[in-house]
Amino acid sequence: MYQPPLRGRPIFAGKRVLLIDPYQPTRHVRVGLLQRQDIEVDVTESLSVARCMWRPNLYDWVLLDVRRYLPRELLTFYEQIRDVSHREHFAFFVGPPQYLSLSWPEEVTGEVASSVQWTERVKGFKATA
């Protein structure tokens, strides 16, 4: 159930995220951005380590850079978590033109998202957090 944030506290504060990103430069930047919002971040560069770290209902979000892994391996990981725990939300880093998808990447269209669409996507992301 959504609860509005306390006055002066970021909406994502107190949330816990599992970030899976194989490239150190982007991983480092993403961790820094999340931590500045008072989000607790567990980070790994590999899906095999992520499988060991993940526990049902431990994370609010699983953030996954899909461009660096084999599709079948990603889909298996995604389905395992989704089938066991409905609490976690997923966001997929998919690269340009859209960059972020809240649905499985094969559903992502090749259209460039307008700034209005991007704003609505971010609002939806915040509302489900």
C-alpha atoms as a PDB file:
ATOM      1  CA  MET A   1       0.000   0.000   0.000  1.00  0.00           C
ATOM      2  CA  TYR A   2       1.325   3.423  -0.948  1.00  0.00           C
ATOM      3  CA  GLN A   3       2.048   5.788   1.890  1.00  0.00           C
ATOM      4  CA  PRO A   4       2.962   9.377   1.098  1.00  0.00           C
ATOM      5  CA  PRO A   5       6.441  10.404   2.251  1.00  0.00           C
ATOM      6  CA  LEU A   6       6.880  12.408   5.392  1.00  0.00           C
ATOM      7  CA  ARG A   7       7.342  16.115   4.797  1.00  0.00           C
ATOM      8  CA  GLY A   8      10.914  16.859   3.761  1.00  0.00           C
ATOM      9  CA  ARG A   9      11.798  13.201   3.168  1.00  0.00           C
ATOM     10  CA  PRO A  10      12.448  11.901  -0.389  1.00  0.00           C
ATOM     11  CA  ILE A  11       9.790   9.525  -1.705  1.00  0.00           C
ATOM     12  CA  PHE A  12      12.304   6.683  -2.128  1.00  0.00           C
ATOM     13  CA  ALA A  13      13.974   7.137   1.255  1.00  0.00           C
ATOM     14  CA  GLY A  14      14.146   3.880   3.172  1.00  0.00           C
ATOM     15  CA  LYS A  15      13.630   1.716   0.086  1.00  0.00           C
ATOM     16  CA  ARG A  16      15.983  -1.137  -0.691  1.00  0.00           C
ATOM     17  CA  VAL A  17      17.268  -1.829  -4.197  1.00  0.00           C
ATOM     18  CA  LEU A  18      19.211  -4.656  -5.785  1.00  0.00           C
ATOM     19  CA  LEU A  19      21.237  -3.170  -8.649  1.00  0.00           C
ATOM     20  CA  ILE A  20      22.721  -5.541 -11.229  1.00  0.00           C
ATOM     21  CA  ASP A  21      25.117  -3.791 -13.598  1.00  0.00           C
ATOM     22  CA  PRO A  22      28.242  -5.449 -15.044  1.00  0.00           C
ATOM     23  CA  TYR A  23      30.086  -2.231 -15.919  1.00  0.00           C
ATOM     24  CA  GLN A  24      31.871  -0.444 -13.099  1.00  0.00           C
ATOM     25  CA  PRO A  25      31.499   3.161 -14.384  1.00  0.00           C
ATOM     26  CA  THR A  26      27.707   3.036 -14.763  1.00  0.00           C
ATOM     27  CA  ARG A  27      27.333   0.905 -11.644  1.00  0.00           C
ATOM     28  CA  HIS A  28      29.285   3.460  -9.597  1.00  0.00           C
ATOM     29  CA  VAL A  29      27.199   6.389 -10.875  1.00  0.00           C
ATOM     30  CA  ARG A  30      23.901   4.583 -10.319  1.00  0.00           C
ATOM     31  CA  VAL A  31      24.830   3.581  -6.765  1.00  0.00           C
ATOM     32  CA  GLY A  32      25.801   7.173  -5.968  1.00  0.00           C
ATOM     33  CA  LEU A  33      22.532   8.566  -7.329  1.00  0.00           C
ATOM     34  CA  LEU A  34      20.443   6.066  -5.395  1.00  0.00           C
ATOM     35  CA  GLN A  35      22.331   6.549  -2.135  1.00  0.00           C
ATOM     36  CA  ARG A  36      21.907  10.330  -2.359  1.00  0.00           C
ATOM     37  CA  GLN A  37      18.166   9.669  -2.226  1.00  0.00           C
ATOM     38  CA  ASP A  38      18.590   7.650   0.998  1.00  0.00           C
ATOM     39  CA  ILE A  39      17.983   4.389  -0.829  1.00  0.00           C
ATOM     40  CA  GLU A  40      19.764   1.324   0.501  1.00  0.00           C
ATOM     41  CA  VAL A  41      21.587  -0.309  -2.414  1.00  0.00           C
ATOM     42  CA  ASP A  42      22.974  -3.799  -2.729  1.00  0.00           C
ATOM     43  CA  VAL A  43      24.993  -4.018  -5.909  1.00  0.00           C
ATOM     44  CA  THR A  44      26.567  -6.726  -8.010  1.00  0.00           C
ATOM     45  CA  GLU A  45      28.006  -7.106 -11.457  1.00  0.00           C
ATOM     46  CA  SER A  46      26.724 -10.620 -12.138  1.00  0.00           C
ATOM     47  CA  LEU A  47      23.440 -12.469 -12.253  1.00  0.00           C
ATOM     48  CA  SER A  48      24.912 -15.462 -10.427  1.00  0.00           C
ATOM     49  CA  VAL A  49      25.856 -13.283  -7.435  1.00  0.00           C
ATOM     50  CA  ALA A  50      22.469 -11.547  -7.622  1.00  0.00           C
ATOM     51  CA  ARG A  51      20.766 -14.942  -7.325  1.00  0.00           C
ATOM     52  CA  CYS A  52      22.706 -15.559  -4.097  1.00  0.00           C
ATOM     53  CA  MET A  53      21.947 -12.085  -2.703  1.00  0.00           C
ATOM     54  CA  TRP A  54      18.239 -12.068  -3.514  1.00  0.00           C
ATOM     55  CA  ARG A  55      15.728 -13.194  -0.889  1.00  0.00           C
ATOM     56  CA  PRO A  56      11.922 -13.030  -1.148  1.00  0.00           C
ATOM     57  CA  ASN A  57      10.506  -9.678  -0.055  1.00  0.00           C
ATOM     58  CA  LEU A  58      13.920  -8.229   0.780  1.00  0.00           C
ATOM     59  CA  TYR A  59      14.028  -5.607  -1.991  1.00  0.00           C
ATOM     60  CA  ASP A  60      11.544  -2.996  -3.093  1.00  0.00           C
ATOM     61  CA  TRP A  61      13.141  -2.754  -6.554  1.00  0.00           C
ATOM     62  CA  VAL A  62      15.419  -4.870  -8.699  1.00  0.00           C
ATOM     63  CA  LEU A  63      17.251  -2.708 -11.249  1.00  0.00           C
ATOM     64  CA  LEU A  64      18.822  -4.662 -14.065  1.00  0.00           C
ATOM     65  CA  ASP A  65      20.957  -3.546 -17.011  1.00  0.00           C
ATOM     66  CA  VAL A  66      19.729  -5.926 -19.712  1.00  0.00           C
ATOM     67  CA  ARG A  67      22.133  -4.914 -22.450  1.00  0.00           C
ATOM     68  CA  ARG A  68      25.027  -6.922 -21.042  1.00  0.00           C
ATOM     69  CA  TYR A  69      23.492 -10.383 -20.576  1.00  0.00           C
ATOM     70  CA  LEU A  70      22.095 -13.199 -22.671  1.00  0.00           C
ATOM     71  CA  PRO A  71      18.305 -12.801 -23.055  1.00  0.00           C
ATOM     72  CA  ARG A  72      17.475 -16.346 -21.878  1.00  0.00           C
ATOM     73  CA  GLU A  73      19.608 -15.946 -18.740  1.00  0.00           C
ATOM     74  CA  LEU A  74      17.886 -12.644 -17.935  1.00  0.00           C
ATOM     75  CA  LEU A  75      14.414 -13.993 -18.539  1.00  0.00           C
ATOM     76  CA  THR A  76      15.067 -16.976 -16.265  1.00  0.00           C
ATOM     77  CA  PHE A  77      16.298 -14.689 -13.460  1.00  0.00           C
ATOM     78  CA  TYR A  78      13.339 -12.317 -13.911  1.00  0.00           C
ATOM     79  CA  GLU A  79      10.759 -15.120 -13.951  1.00  0.00           C
ATOM     80  CA  GLN A  80      12.243 -16.836 -10.883  1.00  0.00           C
ATOM     81  CA  ILE A  81      11.894 -13.674  -8.811  1.00  0.00           C
ATOM     82  CA  ARG A  82       8.536 -12.646 -10.233  1.00  0.00           C
ATOM     83  CA  ASP A  83       7.043 -16.085  -9.573  1.00  0.00           C
ATOM     84  CA  VAL A  84       8.284 -16.295  -5.972  1.00  0.00           C
ATOM     85  CA  SER A  85       7.818 -12.750  -4.727  1.00  0.00           C
ATOM     86  CA  HIS A  86       5.312 -10.219  -5.948  1.00  0.00           C
ATOM     87  CA  ARG A  87       6.633  -7.450  -3.700  1.00  0.00           C
ATOM     88  CA  GLU A  88       9.643  -6.599  -5.840  1.00  0.00           C
ATOM     89  CA  HIS A  89       9.283  -4.203  -8.719  1.00  0.00           C
ATOM     90  CA  PHE A  90      11.580  -4.405 -11.721  1.00  0.00           C
ATOM     91  CA  ALA A  91      13.107  -1.669 -13.815  1.00  0.00           C
ATOM     92  CA  PHE A  92      15.252  -2.530 -16.818  1.00  0.00           C
ATOM     93  CA  PHE A  93      18.003  -0.333 -18.200  1.00  0.00           C
ATOM     94  CA  VAL A  94      17.554  -0.840 -21.936  1.00  0.00           C
ATOM     95  CA  GLY A  95      19.590   1.954 -23.515  1.00  0.00           C
ATOM     96  CA  PRO A  96      18.515   4.564 -26.032  1.00  0.00           C
ATOM     97  CA  PRO A  97      16.077   5.779 -27.055  1.00  0.00           C
ATOM     98  CA  GLN A  98      14.013   4.893 -23.983  1.00  0.00           C
ATOM     99  CA  TYR A  99      16.750   4.037 -21.396  1.00  0.00           C
ATOM    100  CA  LEU A 100      14.398   2.659 -18.750  1.00  0.00           C
ATOM    101  CA  SER A 101      11.541   0.184 -18.990  1.00  0.00           C
ATOM    102  CA  LEU A 102       9.196  -0.994 -16.266  1.00  0.00           C
ATOM    103  CA  SER A 103       8.134  -3.949 -18.427  1.00  0.00           C
ATOM    104  CA  TRP A 104      10.121  -6.872 -19.804  1.00  0.00           C
ATOM    105  CA  PRO A 105      12.374  -5.420 -22.559  1.00  0.00           C
ATOM    106  CA  GLU A 106      10.789  -7.280 -25.489  1.00  0.00           C
ATOM    107  CA  GLU A 107       7.747  -5.080 -24.882  1.00  0.00           C
ATOM    108  CA  VAL A 108       9.803  -1.910 -25.339  1.00  0.00           C
ATOM    109  CA  THR A 109       9.098  -0.131 -28.591  1.00  0.00           C
ATOM    110  CA  GLY A 110      11.728   1.575 -30.652  1.00  0.00           C
ATOM    111  CA  GLU A 111       9.958   4.914 -30.514  1.00  0.00           C
ATOM    112  CA  VAL A 112      11.644   7.858 -28.891  1.00  0.00           C
ATOM    113  CA  ALA A 113       9.763   8.813 -25.747  1.00  0.00           C
ATOM    114  CA  SER A 114       8.684  12.409 -25.639  1.00  0.00           C
ATOM    115  CA  SER A 115       9.440  14.482 -22.560  1.00  0.00           C
ATOM    116  CA  VAL A 116       5.769  14.170 -21.547  1.00  0.00           C
ATOM    117  CA  GLN A 117       5.950  10.374 -21.780  1.00  0.00           C
ATOM    118  CA  TRP A 118       9.182  10.368 -19.781  1.00  0.00           C
ATOM    119  CA  THR A 119       7.638  12.584 -17.100  1.00  0.00           C
ATOM    120  CA  GLU A 120       4.629  10.274 -16.830  1.00  0.00           C
ATOM    121  CA  ARG A 121       6.909   7.215 -16.608  1.00  0.00           C
ATOM    122  CA  VAL A 122       8.899   8.781 -13.756  1.00  0.00           C
ATOM    123  CA  LYS A 123       5.686   9.736 -11.944  1.00  0.00           C
ATOM    124  CA  GLY A 124       4.469   6.140 -12.274  1.00  0.00           C
ATOM    125  CA  PHE A 125       7.816   4.851 -11.003  1.00  0.00           C
ATOM    126  CA  LYS A 126       7.547   7.070  -7.924  1.00  0.00           C
ATOM    127  CA  ALA A 127       3.925   6.136  -7.291  1.00  0.00           C
ATOM    128  CA  THR A 128       4.704   2.426  -7.151  1.00  0.00           C
ATOM    129  CA  ALA A 129       7.744   2.818  -4.901  1.00  0.00           C
END
